[in-house]
Protein backbone atom coordinates (compact mmCIF):
# COMPACT_ATOMS: atom_id res chain seq x y z
CA UNK A 1 8.72 67.44 34.03
CA UNK A 2 11.53 69.70 32.68
CA UNK A 3 12.43 70.39 29.02
CA UNK A 4 15.65 71.85 27.76
CA UNK A 5 15.15 74.66 25.21
CA UNK A 6 17.64 76.40 23.05
CA UNK A 7 18.37 80.15 23.04
CA UNK A 8 20.23 82.32 20.59
CA UNK A 9 22.74 85.01 21.39
CA UNK A 10 23.51 88.08 19.37
CA UNK A 11 26.61 90.07 20.37
CA UNK A 12 26.37 88.74 23.92
CA UNK A 13 22.60 89.22 24.34
CA UNK A 14 20.37 86.20 24.63
CA UNK A 15 17.12 85.85 22.74
CA UNK A 16 14.33 83.38 22.71
CA UNK A 17 12.47 84.09 19.52
CA UNK A 18 13.84 86.28 16.79
CA UNK A 19 16.60 88.75 15.99
CA UNK A 20 16.86 90.58 12.68
CA UNK A 21 18.48 93.28 10.63
CA UNK A 22 16.61 95.53 8.22
CA UNK A 23 12.80 95.65 7.57
CA UNK A 24 11.80 93.73 10.71
CA UNK A 25 14.03 95.98 12.92
CA UNK A 26 12.51 99.09 11.33
CA UNK A 27 9.00 97.72 11.80
CA UNK A 28 9.61 96.90 15.48
CA UNK A 29 11.02 100.47 16.11
CA UNK A 30 8.04 102.05 14.28
CA UNK A 31 5.55 100.15 16.38
CA UNK A 32 5.82 102.63 19.29
CA UNK A 33 4.56 102.07 22.78
CA UNK A 34 1.72 104.55 22.27
CA UNK A 35 0.70 102.66 19.11
CA UNK A 36 0.76 99.31 20.89
CA UNK A 37 -1.31 100.69 23.78
CA UNK A 38 -3.93 102.06 21.41
CA UNK A 39 -3.99 99.33 18.65
CA UNK A 40 -2.53 96.24 20.26
CA UNK A 41 -1.17 93.85 17.73
CA UNK A 42 -2.55 96.11 14.99
CA UNK A 43 0.33 98.51 15.75
CA UNK A 44 2.68 95.95 14.18
CA UNK A 45 0.46 95.64 11.01
CA UNK A 46 0.40 99.45 10.74
CA UNK A 47 4.23 99.67 11.24
CA UNK A 48 4.76 96.82 8.68
CA UNK A 49 2.79 98.60 6.00
CA UNK A 50 4.59 101.92 6.72
CA UNK A 51 8.02 100.31 6.67
CA UNK A 52 7.31 98.18 3.62
CA UNK A 53 6.59 101.36 1.68
CA UNK A 54 10.04 102.73 2.73
CA UNK A 55 12.01 99.45 2.52
CA UNK A 56 15.02 99.48 0.21
CA UNK A 57 17.36 96.58 -0.29
CA UNK A 58 20.81 96.79 1.23
CA UNK A 59 23.82 94.67 0.35
CA UNK A 60 24.16 91.92 2.99
CA UNK A 61 27.14 89.66 3.63
CA UNK A 62 25.92 86.69 5.53
CA UNK A 63 28.35 83.98 6.90
CA UNK A 64 26.57 80.96 8.28
CA UNK A 65 28.69 78.06 9.42
CA UNK A 66 30.45 76.93 6.29
CA UNK A 67 28.56 79.03 3.71
CA UNK A 68 28.78 82.70 2.62
CA UNK A 69 26.01 84.59 0.93
CA UNK A 70 26.14 88.09 -0.51
CA UNK A 71 22.75 89.37 -1.44
CA UNK A 72 20.70 92.51 -1.86
CA UNK A 73 17.81 92.13 0.66
CA UNK A 74 15.50 94.14 2.91
CA UNK A 75 15.74 91.84 5.91
CA UNK A 76 17.83 89.00 7.37
CA UNK A 77 16.16 87.30 10.31
CA UNK A 78 17.63 84.82 12.71
CA UNK A 79 15.15 82.83 14.61
CA UNK A 80 15.24 80.31 17.48
CA UNK A 81 11.68 79.14 16.54
CA UNK A 82 10.08 77.95 13.37
CA UNK A 83 6.78 79.84 13.77
CA UNK A 84 5.63 83.18 15.16
CA UNK A 85 2.12 83.98 16.48
CA UNK A 86 0.87 80.40 16.09
CA UNK A 87 -2.54 80.33 17.71
CA UNK A 88 -2.34 84.01 18.67
CA UNK A 89 -3.70 85.54 15.47
CA UNK A 90 -5.65 83.93 12.58
CA UNK A 91 -2.41 83.21 10.75
CA UNK A 92 1.12 82.33 11.69
CA UNK A 93 4.43 83.44 10.23
CA UNK A 94 6.35 80.40 9.32
CA UNK A 95 10.12 80.70 9.42
CA UNK A 96 10.79 77.22 8.19
CA UNK A 97 9.37 75.21 5.33
CA UNK A 98 8.51 72.22 7.59
CA UNK A 99 7.02 71.57 10.98
CA UNK A 100 8.66 73.68 13.67
CA UNK A 101 7.71 71.61 16.71
CA UNK A 102 11.26 70.79 17.71
CA UNK A 103 12.97 73.96 16.48
CA UNK A 104 13.35 75.07 20.11
CA UNK A 105 15.47 71.97 20.70
CA UNK A 106 17.56 71.35 17.54
CA UNK A 107 20.66 73.33 18.41
CA UNK A 108 20.28 75.39 15.26
CA UNK A 109 19.09 78.88 14.29
CA UNK A 110 16.69 79.46 11.42
CA UNK A 111 17.96 82.12 8.86
CA UNK A 112 15.31 83.73 6.62
CA UNK A 113 16.37 86.32 4.01
CA UNK A 114 13.73 88.55 2.42
CA UNK A 115 15.25 89.68 -0.91
CA UNK A 116 12.45 91.92 -2.06
CA UNK A 117 12.57 94.98 -4.41
CA UNK A 118 9.18 96.52 -3.69
CA UNK A 119 6.37 96.73 -1.07
CA UNK A 120 3.99 94.44 -3.09
CA UNK A 121 6.64 91.78 -3.49
CA UNK A 122 7.56 92.03 0.24
CA UNK A 123 3.89 91.42 1.13
CA UNK A 124 3.81 88.43 -1.15
CA UNK A 125 6.97 87.05 0.53
CA UNK A 126 5.41 87.43 4.00
CA UNK A 127 2.27 85.67 2.60
CA UNK A 128 4.37 82.84 1.21
CA UNK A 129 6.24 82.39 4.44
CA UNK A 130 2.94 82.33 6.37
CA UNK A 131 1.91 79.44 4.11
CA UNK A 132 5.26 77.64 4.23
CA UNK A 133 5.92 78.27 0.51
CA UNK A 134 9.70 78.51 0.61
CA UNK A 135 11.98 77.84 -2.38
CA UNK A 136 11.47 78.29 -6.06
CA UNK A 137 13.34 81.59 -6.33
CA UNK A 138 16.02 83.68 -4.62
CA UNK A 139 13.65 86.14 -2.93
CA UNK A 140 12.70 84.02 0.05
CA UNK A 141 15.68 82.09 1.33
CA UNK A 142 15.78 79.69 4.31
CA UNK A 143 18.55 77.77 5.86
CA UNK A 144 19.84 76.67 9.30
CA UNK A 145 23.13 77.30 11.00
CA UNK A 146 24.81 77.27 14.40
CA UNK A 147 26.57 80.65 13.97
CA UNK A 148 25.65 83.52 11.63
CA UNK A 149 27.43 86.79 11.01
CA UNK A 150 25.50 89.62 9.24
CA UNK A 151 26.98 92.72 7.72
CA UNK A 152 25.16 95.31 5.71
CA UNK A 153 26.46 98.20 3.62
CA UNK A 154 25.62 100.74 4.83
CA UNK A 155 24.97 99.41 8.38
CA UNK A 156 21.29 98.81 9.17
CA UNK A 157 19.09 98.66 12.28
CA UNK A 158 19.01 95.44 14.36
CA UNK A 159 16.28 94.16 16.67
CA UNK A 160 16.46 91.34 19.26
CA UNK A 161 13.17 89.92 20.40
CA UNK A 162 11.46 93.13 19.30
CA UNK A 163 13.73 95.60 21.03
CA UNK A 164 16.09 97.90 19.14
CA UNK A 165 19.71 96.58 19.44
CA UNK A 166 21.96 98.86 17.46
CA UNK A 167 23.12 98.23 13.89
CA UNK A 168 25.03 95.66 11.90
CA UNK A 169 27.48 93.97 11.97
CA UNK A 170 26.20 91.32 14.35
CA UNK A 171 27.01 87.72 15.08
CA UNK A 172 24.29 85.22 16.23
CA UNK A 173 25.13 81.91 17.92
CA UNK A 174 22.83 79.03 18.95
CA UNK A 175 23.02 78.00 22.57
CA UNK A 176 21.68 74.46 22.72
CA UNK A 177 19.76 73.46 25.87
CA UNK A 178 20.41 76.83 27.48
CA UNK A 179 17.10 77.05 29.32
CA UNK A 180 15.25 74.45 31.40
CA UNK A 181 11.50 74.93 31.78
CA UNK A 182 8.77 72.99 33.53
CA UNK A 183 6.18 71.53 31.18
CA UNK A 184 3.07 69.56 31.87
CA UNK A 185 3.43 65.77 31.79
CA UNK A 186 2.04 64.26 28.62
């Protein structure tokens, strides 16, 4: 049985999971190959702590379909999935407030903005996201869109599926049903 899955595209480069600008890009760059070979997934935890201590908000201009948002934030992530690491580690990072089972097939990208001011607050936002506690303030913002443009002043590092990918500005677009995969019959 075949299933059609969405992909995203950032400045012409396809991605399956996540692209981002800011903290997440700095974290991916800080988790060097040597660290990953030595510490495995722990390299990302070490890099996250290091980068959280150095993270400073930037002014982002985000245009998503018919909305515009200008905000001071440390990271803007654009995901093709609703969860990361589900079943891989003892927790999962939720990128949506609800079940993400069909996020690979909805024709939309998830946008998550971390508008933190300090490392403790950033850690709390990641904890809230892991437990699907979105809303209630303007520090953890989630919405969906088909096309997202991200600018930062000054420009900031970008990652696509964990690989460094230059700096802002970038434009991400959802590519519905871009990939067909074989899945077990139910």
